[in-house]
Every structure is written in structure tokens, then in C-alpha cells.
Amino acid sequence: MAKGTTIEIQTPTGWQTLTVADAIERNERRGRCVECKNPVRVHRTGRNGMAAHAEHLKRNPECSLSDHL
């Protein structure tokens, strides 16, 4: 199960790529996938130890960064 470690966010000058850590620091919770351009949501590090990551709002079987369960 691949998880995204970067996202793209919209800025006044266009799309900007951020790491998930930078997105969390800047309080950017939503963006788009760097691969398929579909919407993603940023998740902080979990209490259970899961690493911070970006997750698609809807599964995309054509994207290698989407959850394919």
C-alpha cells in the first residue's frame, strides 16, 4: 500500500509541490496527488506509529500512490 509523501497545493502563482511534513507545518490539509492530480488529504503521524502521509479522497486504481485495497 503506497502512501504519498508529497502533495501539490494551489498558490496564487500556480501549483507548488510540498512534502507532507512541510504541508503539515504550513497547515495545508488538502491538495492534489503529484502523480494523478486527484484530491488528497494530509494525515499527521498517528498515535499508532503510522507515518505522516497524503491519502486520496477517493481510491484511484490507476495511481501507484493510491490505496488499492
PDB file of N, CA and C in Angstrom:
ATOM      1  N   MET A   1       0.848  -1.164   0.000  1.00  0.00           N
ATOM      2  CA  MET A   1       0.000   0.000   0.000  1.00  0.00           C
ATOM      3  C   MET A   1       0.901   1.235   0.000  1.00  0.00           C
ATOM      4  N   ALA A   2       0.955   1.936  -1.106  1.00  0.00           N
ATOM      5  CA  ALA A   2       1.786   3.131  -1.223  1.00  0.00           C
ATOM      6  C   ALA A   2       1.075   4.334  -0.617  1.00  0.00           C
ATOM      7  N   LYS A   3       1.838   5.177   0.011  1.00  0.00           N
ATOM      8  CA  LYS A   3       1.306   6.415   0.575  1.00  0.00           C
ATOM      9  C   LYS A   3       2.131   7.565   0.029  1.00  0.00           C
ATOM     10  N   GLY A   4       1.458   8.674  -0.254  1.00  0.00           N
ATOM     11  CA  GLY A   4       2.153   9.828  -0.794  1.00  0.00           C
ATOM     12  C   GLY A   4       2.958  10.558   0.264  1.00  0.00           C
ATOM     13  N   THR A   5       4.143  10.987  -0.098  1.00  0.00           N
ATOM     14  CA  THR A   5       4.984  11.764   0.812  1.00  0.00           C
ATOM     15  C   THR A   5       5.111  13.206   0.344  1.00  0.00           C
ATOM     16  N   THR A   6       4.533  13.530  -0.816  1.00  0.00           N
ATOM     17  CA  THR A   6       4.489  14.902  -1.307  1.00  0.00           C
ATOM     18  C   THR A   6       3.095  15.174  -1.855  1.00  0.00           C
ATOM     19  N   ILE A   7       2.720  16.450  -1.858  1.00  0.00           N
ATOM     20  CA  ILE A   7       1.451  16.874  -2.443  1.00  0.00           C
ATOM     21  C   ILE A   7       1.690  18.144  -3.237  1.00  0.00           C
ATOM     22  N   GLU A   8       0.713  18.518  -4.034  1.00  0.00           N
ATOM     23  CA  GLU A   8       0.733  19.801  -4.714  1.00  0.00           C
ATOM     24  C   GLU A   8      -0.382  20.652  -4.125  1.00  0.00           C
ATOM     25  N   ILE A   9      -0.065  21.928  -3.864  1.00  0.00           N
ATOM     26  CA  ILE A   9      -1.083  22.861  -3.382  1.00  0.00           C
ATOM     27  C   ILE A   9      -1.189  24.014  -4.369  1.00  0.00           C
ATOM     28  N   GLN A  10      -2.372  24.605  -4.426  1.00  0.00           N
ATOM     29  CA  GLN A  10      -2.591  25.752  -5.311  1.00  0.00           C
ATOM     30  C   GLN A  10      -2.148  27.024  -4.590  1.00  0.00           C
ATOM     31  N   THR A  11      -1.345  27.827  -5.289  1.00  0.00           N
ATOM     32  CA  THR A  11      -0.913  29.124  -4.776  1.00  0.00           C
ATOM     33  C   THR A  11      -1.335  30.179  -5.794  1.00  0.00           C
ATOM     34  N   PRO A  12      -1.246  31.434  -5.444  1.00  0.00           N
ATOM     35  CA  PRO A  12      -1.621  32.481  -6.406  1.00  0.00           C
ATOM     36  C   PRO A  12      -0.815  32.443  -7.713  1.00  0.00           C
ATOM     37  N   THR A  13       0.374  31.852  -7.660  1.00  0.00           N
ATOM     38  CA  THR A  13       1.215  31.790  -8.862  1.00  0.00           C
ATOM     39  C   THR A  13       1.193  30.436  -9.555  1.00  0.00           C
ATOM     40  N   GLY A  14       0.401  29.485  -9.054  1.00  0.00           N
ATOM     41  CA  GLY A  14       0.310  28.163  -9.680  1.00  0.00           C
ATOM     42  C   GLY A  14       0.427  27.055  -8.647  1.00  0.00           C
ATOM     43  N   TRP A  15       0.700  25.844  -9.112  1.00  0.00           N
ATOM     44  CA  TRP A  15       0.805  24.685  -8.233  1.00  0.00           C
ATOM     45  C   TRP A  15       2.221  24.593  -7.680  1.00  0.00           C
ATOM     46  N   GLN A  16       2.318  24.274  -6.382  1.00  0.00           N
ATOM     47  CA  GLN A  16       3.593  24.138  -5.697  1.00  0.00           C
ATOM     48  C   GLN A  16       3.649  22.770  -5.047  1.00  0.00           C
ATOM     49  N   THR A  17       4.777  22.082  -5.172  1.00  0.00           N
ATOM     50  CA  THR A  17       4.958  20.774  -4.552  1.00  0.00           C
ATOM     51  C   THR A  17       5.542  20.961  -3.157  1.00  0.00           C
ATOM     52  N   LEU A  18       4.925  20.283  -2.180  1.00  0.00           N
ATOM     53  CA  LEU A  18       5.387  20.316  -0.796  1.00  0.00           C
ATOM     54  C   LEU A  18       5.536  18.897  -0.275  1.00  0.00           C
ATOM     55  N   THR A  19       6.467  18.697   0.643  1.00  0.00           N
ATOM     56  CA  THR A  19       6.498  17.429   1.362  1.00  0.00           C
ATOM     57  C   THR A  19       5.316  17.423   2.324  1.00  0.00           C
ATOM     58  N   VAL A  20       4.922  16.263   2.764  1.00  0.00           N
ATOM     59  CA  VAL A  20       3.832  16.165   3.730  1.00  0.00           C
ATOM     60  C   VAL A  20       4.214  16.904   5.012  1.00  0.00           C
ATOM     61  N   ALA A  21       5.465  16.785   5.437  1.00  0.00           N
ATOM     62  CA  ALA A  21       5.917  17.486   6.645  1.00  0.00           C
ATOM     63  C   ALA A  21       5.764  18.999   6.481  1.00  0.00           C
ATOM     64  N   ASP A  22       6.152  19.531   5.321  1.00  0.00           N
ATOM     65  CA  ASP A  22       6.006  20.969   5.076  1.00  0.00           C
ATOM     66  C   ASP A  22       4.534  21.375   5.022  1.00  0.00           C
ATOM     67  N   ALA A  23       3.705  20.533   4.424  1.00  0.00           N
ATOM     68  CA  ALA A  23       2.270  20.825   4.350  1.00  0.00           C
ATOM     69  C   ALA A  23       1.666  20.893   5.749  1.00  0.00           C
ATOM     70  N   ILE A  24       2.050  19.966   6.620  1.00  0.00           N
ATOM     71  CA  ILE A  24       1.557  19.964   7.996  1.00  0.00           C
ATOM     72  C   ILE A  24       2.033  21.229   8.714  1.00  0.00           C
ATOM     73  N   GLU A  25       3.294  21.573   8.537  1.00  0.00           N
ATOM     74  CA  GLU A  25       3.843  22.770   9.176  1.00  0.00           C
ATOM     75  C   GLU A  25       3.117  24.040   8.723  1.00  0.00           C
ATOM     76  N   ARG A  26       2.737  24.085   7.437  1.00  0.00           N
ATOM     77  CA  ARG A  26       2.039  25.256   6.887  1.00  0.00           C
ATOM     78  C   ARG A  26       0.523  25.170   7.069  1.00  0.00           C
ATOM     79  N   ASN A  27       0.061  24.096   7.714  1.00  0.00           N
ATOM     80  CA  ASN A  27      -1.362  23.862   7.960  1.00  0.00           C
ATOM     81  C   ASN A  27      -2.156  23.677   6.658  1.00  0.00           C
ATOM     82  N   GLU A  28      -1.523  23.088   5.667  1.00  0.00           N
ATOM     83  CA  GLU A  28      -2.195  22.730   4.412  1.00  0.00           C
ATOM     84  C   GLU A  28      -2.699  21.304   4.574  1.00  0.00           C
ATOM     85  N   ARG A  29      -3.987  21.113   4.634  1.00  0.00           N
ATOM     86  CA  ARG A  29      -4.544  19.777   4.869  1.00  0.00           C
ATOM     87  C   ARG A  29      -5.027  19.091   3.593  1.00  0.00           C
ATOM     88  N   ARG A  30      -5.254  19.865   2.562  1.00  0.00           N
ATOM     89  CA  ARG A  30      -5.725  19.291   1.299  1.00  0.00           C
ATOM     90  C   ARG A  30      -4.889  19.803   0.150  1.00  0.00           C
ATOM     91  N   GLY A  31      -4.800  18.987  -0.855  1.00  0.00           N
ATOM     92  CA  GLY A  31      -4.059  19.340  -2.063  1.00  0.00           C
ATOM     93  C   GLY A  31      -4.410  18.343  -3.145  1.00  0.00           C
ATOM     94  N   ARG A  32      -3.461  18.113  -4.047  1.00  0.00           N
ATOM     95  CA  ARG A  32      -3.698  17.108  -5.074  1.00  0.00           C
ATOM     96  C   ARG A  32      -2.482  16.199  -5.172  1.00  0.00           C
ATOM     97  N   CYS A  33      -2.721  15.008  -5.681  1.00  0.00           N
ATOM     98  CA  CYS A  33      -1.684  13.996  -5.847  1.00  0.00           C
ATOM     99  C   CYS A  33      -0.687  14.457  -6.911  1.00  0.00           C
ATOM    100  N   VAL A  34       0.598  14.260  -6.642  1.00  0.00           N
ATOM    101  CA  VAL A  34       1.621  14.659  -7.607  1.00  0.00           C
ATOM    102  C   VAL A  34       1.612  13.763  -8.839  1.00  0.00           C
ATOM    103  N   GLU A  35       1.049  12.567  -8.725  1.00  0.00           N
ATOM    104  CA  GLU A  35       1.028  11.634  -9.853  1.00  0.00           C
ATOM    105  C   GLU A  35      -0.238  11.770 -10.697  1.00  0.00           C
ATOM    106  N   CYS A  36      -1.409  11.621 -10.078  1.00  0.00           N
ATOM    107  CA  CYS A  36      -2.659  11.574 -10.851  1.00  0.00           C
ATOM    108  C   CYS A  36      -3.464  12.873 -10.795  1.00  0.00           C
ATOM    109  N   LYS A  37      -3.055  13.795  -9.931  1.00  0.00           N
ATOM    110  CA  LYS A  37      -3.698  15.118  -9.790  1.00  0.00           C
ATOM    111  C   LYS A  37      -5.083  15.064  -9.139  1.00  0.00           C
ATOM    112  N   ASN A  38      -5.463  13.933  -8.558  1.00  0.00           N
ATOM    113  CA  ASN A  38      -6.729  13.830  -7.836  1.00  0.00           C
ATOM    114  C   ASN A  38      -6.570  14.389  -6.429  1.00  0.00           C
ATOM    115  N   PRO A  39      -7.673  14.806  -5.777  1.00  0.00           N
ATOM    116  CA  PRO A  39      -7.598  15.392  -4.436  1.00  0.00           C
ATOM    117  C   PRO A  39      -7.054  14.414  -3.396  1.00  0.00           C
ATOM    118  N   VAL A  40      -6.231  14.958  -2.491  1.00  0.00           N
ATOM    119  CA  VAL A  40      -5.684  14.176  -1.380  1.00  0.00           C
ATOM    120  C   VAL A  40      -5.850  14.961  -0.086  1.00  0.00           C
ATOM    121  N   ARG A  41      -5.769  14.234   1.023  1.00  0.00           N
ATOM    122  CA  ARG A  41      -5.824  14.838   2.355  1.00  0.00           C
ATOM    123  C   ARG A  41      -4.557  14.428   3.088  1.00  0.00           C
ATOM    124  N   VAL A  42      -3.983  15.366   3.820  1.00  0.00           N
ATOM    125  CA  VAL A  42      -2.762  15.118   4.583  1.00  0.00           C
ATOM    126  C   VAL A  42      -3.131  14.598   5.969  1.00  0.00           C
ATOM    127  N   HIS A  43      -2.426  13.559   6.418  1.00  0.00           N
ATOM    128  CA  HIS A  43      -2.622  12.983   7.742  1.00  0.00           C
ATOM    129  C   HIS A  43      -1.327  13.121   8.538  1.00  0.00           C
ATOM    130  N   ARG A  44      -1.463  13.567   9.784  1.00  0.00           N
ATOM    131  CA  ARG A  44      -0.307  13.665  10.682  1.00  0.00           C
ATOM    132  C   ARG A  44       0.153  12.271  11.095  1.00  0.00           C
ATOM    133  N   THR A  45       1.299  12.191  11.754  1.00  0.00           N
ATOM    134  CA  THR A  45       1.773  10.936  12.319  1.00  0.00           C
ATOM    135  C   THR A  45       0.740  10.422  13.306  1.00  0.00           C
ATOM    136  N   GLY A  46       0.402   9.157  13.198  1.00  0.00           N
ATOM    137  CA  GLY A  46      -0.631   8.569  14.046  1.00  0.00           C
ATOM    138  C   GLY A  46      -0.120   8.150  15.410  1.00  0.00           C
ATOM    139  N   ARG A  47      -1.022   8.052  16.345  1.00  0.00           N
ATOM    140  CA  ARG A  47      -0.658   7.569  17.692  1.00  0.00           C
ATOM    141  C   ARG A  47      -0.164   6.133  17.650  1.00  0.00           C
ATOM    142  N   ASN A  48      -0.611   5.408  16.623  1.00  0.00           N
ATOM    143  CA  ASN A  48      -0.201   4.014  16.479  1.00  0.00           C
ATOM    144  C   ASN A  48       1.141   3.881  15.761  1.00  0.00           C
ATOM    145  N   GLY A  49       1.791   5.023  15.463  1.00  0.00           N
ATOM    146  CA  GLY A  49       3.107   4.990  14.827  1.00  0.00           C
ATOM    147  C   GLY A  49       3.079   5.129  13.318  1.00  0.00           C
ATOM    148  N   MET A  50       1.876   5.181  12.709  1.00  0.00           N
ATOM    149  CA  MET A  50       1.808   5.341  11.260  1.00  0.00           C
ATOM    150  C   MET A  50       2.419   6.685  10.875  1.00  0.00           C
ATOM    151  N   ALA A  51       3.254   6.673   9.871  1.00  0.00           N
ATOM    152  CA  ALA A  51       3.938   7.887   9.431  1.00  0.00           C
ATOM    153  C   ALA A  51       2.960   8.892   8.828  1.00  0.00           C
ATOM    154  N   ALA A  52       3.318  10.155   8.889  1.00  0.00           N
ATOM    155  CA  ALA A  52       2.533  11.192   8.220  1.00  0.00           C
ATOM    156  C   ALA A  52       2.511  10.888   6.723  1.00  0.00           C
ATOM    157  N   HIS A  53       1.368  11.134   6.086  1.00  0.00           N
ATOM    158  CA  HIS A  53       1.237  10.788   4.669  1.00  0.00           C
ATOM    159  C   HIS A  53       0.068  11.544   4.045  1.00  0.00           C
ATOM    160  N   ALA A  54      -0.002  11.483   2.736  1.00  0.00           N
ATOM    161  CA  ALA A  54      -1.143  12.015   1.989  1.00  0.00           C
ATOM    162  C   ALA A  54      -1.950  10.837   1.463  1.00  0.00           C
ATOM    163  N   GLU A  55      -3.264  10.949   1.553  1.00  0.00           N
ATOM    164  CA  GLU A  55      -4.141   9.861   1.139  1.00  0.00           C
ATOM    165  C   GLU A  55      -5.213  10.402   0.200  1.00  0.00           C
ATOM    166  N   HIS A  56      -5.481   9.670  -0.871  1.00  0.00           N
ATOM    167  CA  HIS A  56      -6.519  10.078  -1.819  1.00  0.00           C
ATOM    168  C   HIS A  56      -7.883  10.141  -1.148  1.00  0.00           C
ATOM    169  N   LEU A  57      -8.697  11.120  -1.531  1.00  0.00           N
ATOM    170  CA  LEU A  57     -10.057  11.198  -1.004  1.00  0.00           C
ATOM    171  C   LEU A  57     -10.895  10.055  -1.563  1.00  0.00           C
ATOM    172  N   LYS A  58     -10.648   9.681  -2.814  1.00  0.00           N
ATOM    173  CA  LYS A  58     -11.280   8.515  -3.451  1.00  0.00           C
ATOM    174  C   LYS A  58     -10.181   7.644  -4.016  1.00  0.00           C
ATOM    175  N   ARG A  59     -10.308   6.355  -3.826  1.00  0.00           N
ATOM    176  CA  ARG A  59      -9.308   5.438  -4.373  1.00  0.00           C
ATOM    177  C   ARG A  59      -9.195   5.600  -5.879  1.00  0.00           C
ATOM    178  N   ASN A  60      -7.979   5.506  -6.362  1.00  0.00           N
ATOM    179  CA  ASN A  60      -7.725   5.604  -7.794  1.00  0.00           C
ATOM    180  C   ASN A  60      -6.863   4.411  -8.198  1.00  0.00           C
ATOM    181  N   PRO A  61      -7.449   3.376  -8.778  1.00  0.00           N
ATOM    182  CA  PRO A  61      -6.683   2.179  -9.122  1.00  0.00           C
ATOM    183  C   PRO A  61      -5.610   2.424 -10.174  1.00  0.00           C
ATOM    184  N   GLU A  62      -5.665   3.552 -10.856  1.00  0.00           N
ATOM    185  CA  GLU A  62      -4.670   3.849 -11.888  1.00  0.00           C
ATOM    186  C   GLU A  62      -3.457   4.606 -11.337  1.00  0.00           C
ATOM    187  N   CYS A  63      -3.490   4.972 -10.059  1.00  0.00           N
ATOM    188  CA  CYS A  63      -2.398   5.745  -9.449  1.00  0.00           C
ATOM    189  C   CYS A  63      -1.609   4.838  -8.507  1.00  0.00           C
ATOM    190  N   SER A  64      -0.298   4.832  -8.646  1.00  0.00           N
ATOM    191  CA  SER A  64       0.541   3.985  -7.782  1.00  0.00           C
ATOM    192  C   SER A  64       0.587   4.501  -6.347  1.00  0.00           C
ATOM    193  N   LEU A  65       0.168   5.741  -6.103  1.00  0.00           N
ATOM    194  CA  LEU A  65       0.192   6.311  -4.754  1.00  0.00           C
ATOM    195  C   LEU A  65      -1.141   6.165  -4.026  1.00  0.00           C
ATOM    196  N   SER A  66      -2.151   5.597  -4.691  1.00  0.00           N
ATOM    197  CA  SER A  66      -3.465   5.433  -4.093  1.00  0.00           C
ATOM    198  C   SER A  66      -3.576   4.092  -3.380  1.00  0.00           C
ATOM    199  N   ASP A  67      -4.440   4.046  -2.376  1.00  0.00           N
ATOM    200  CA  ASP A  67      -4.714   2.821  -1.628  1.00  0.00           C
ATOM    201  C   ASP A  67      -5.542   1.894  -2.523  1.00  0.00           C
ATOM    202  N   HIS A  68      -5.061   0.673  -2.748  1.00  0.00           N
ATOM    203  CA  HIS A  68      -5.731  -0.238  -3.687  1.00  0.00           C
ATOM    204  C   HIS A  68      -6.462  -1.383  -2.998  1.00  0.00           C
ATOM    205  N   LEU A  69      -6.819  -1.227  -1.738  1.00  0.00           N
ATOM    206  CA  LEU A  69      -7.497  -2.322  -1.019  1.00  0.00           C
ATOM    207  C   LEU A  69      -8.865  -2.608  -1.604  1.00  0.00           C
TER     208      LEU A  69
END
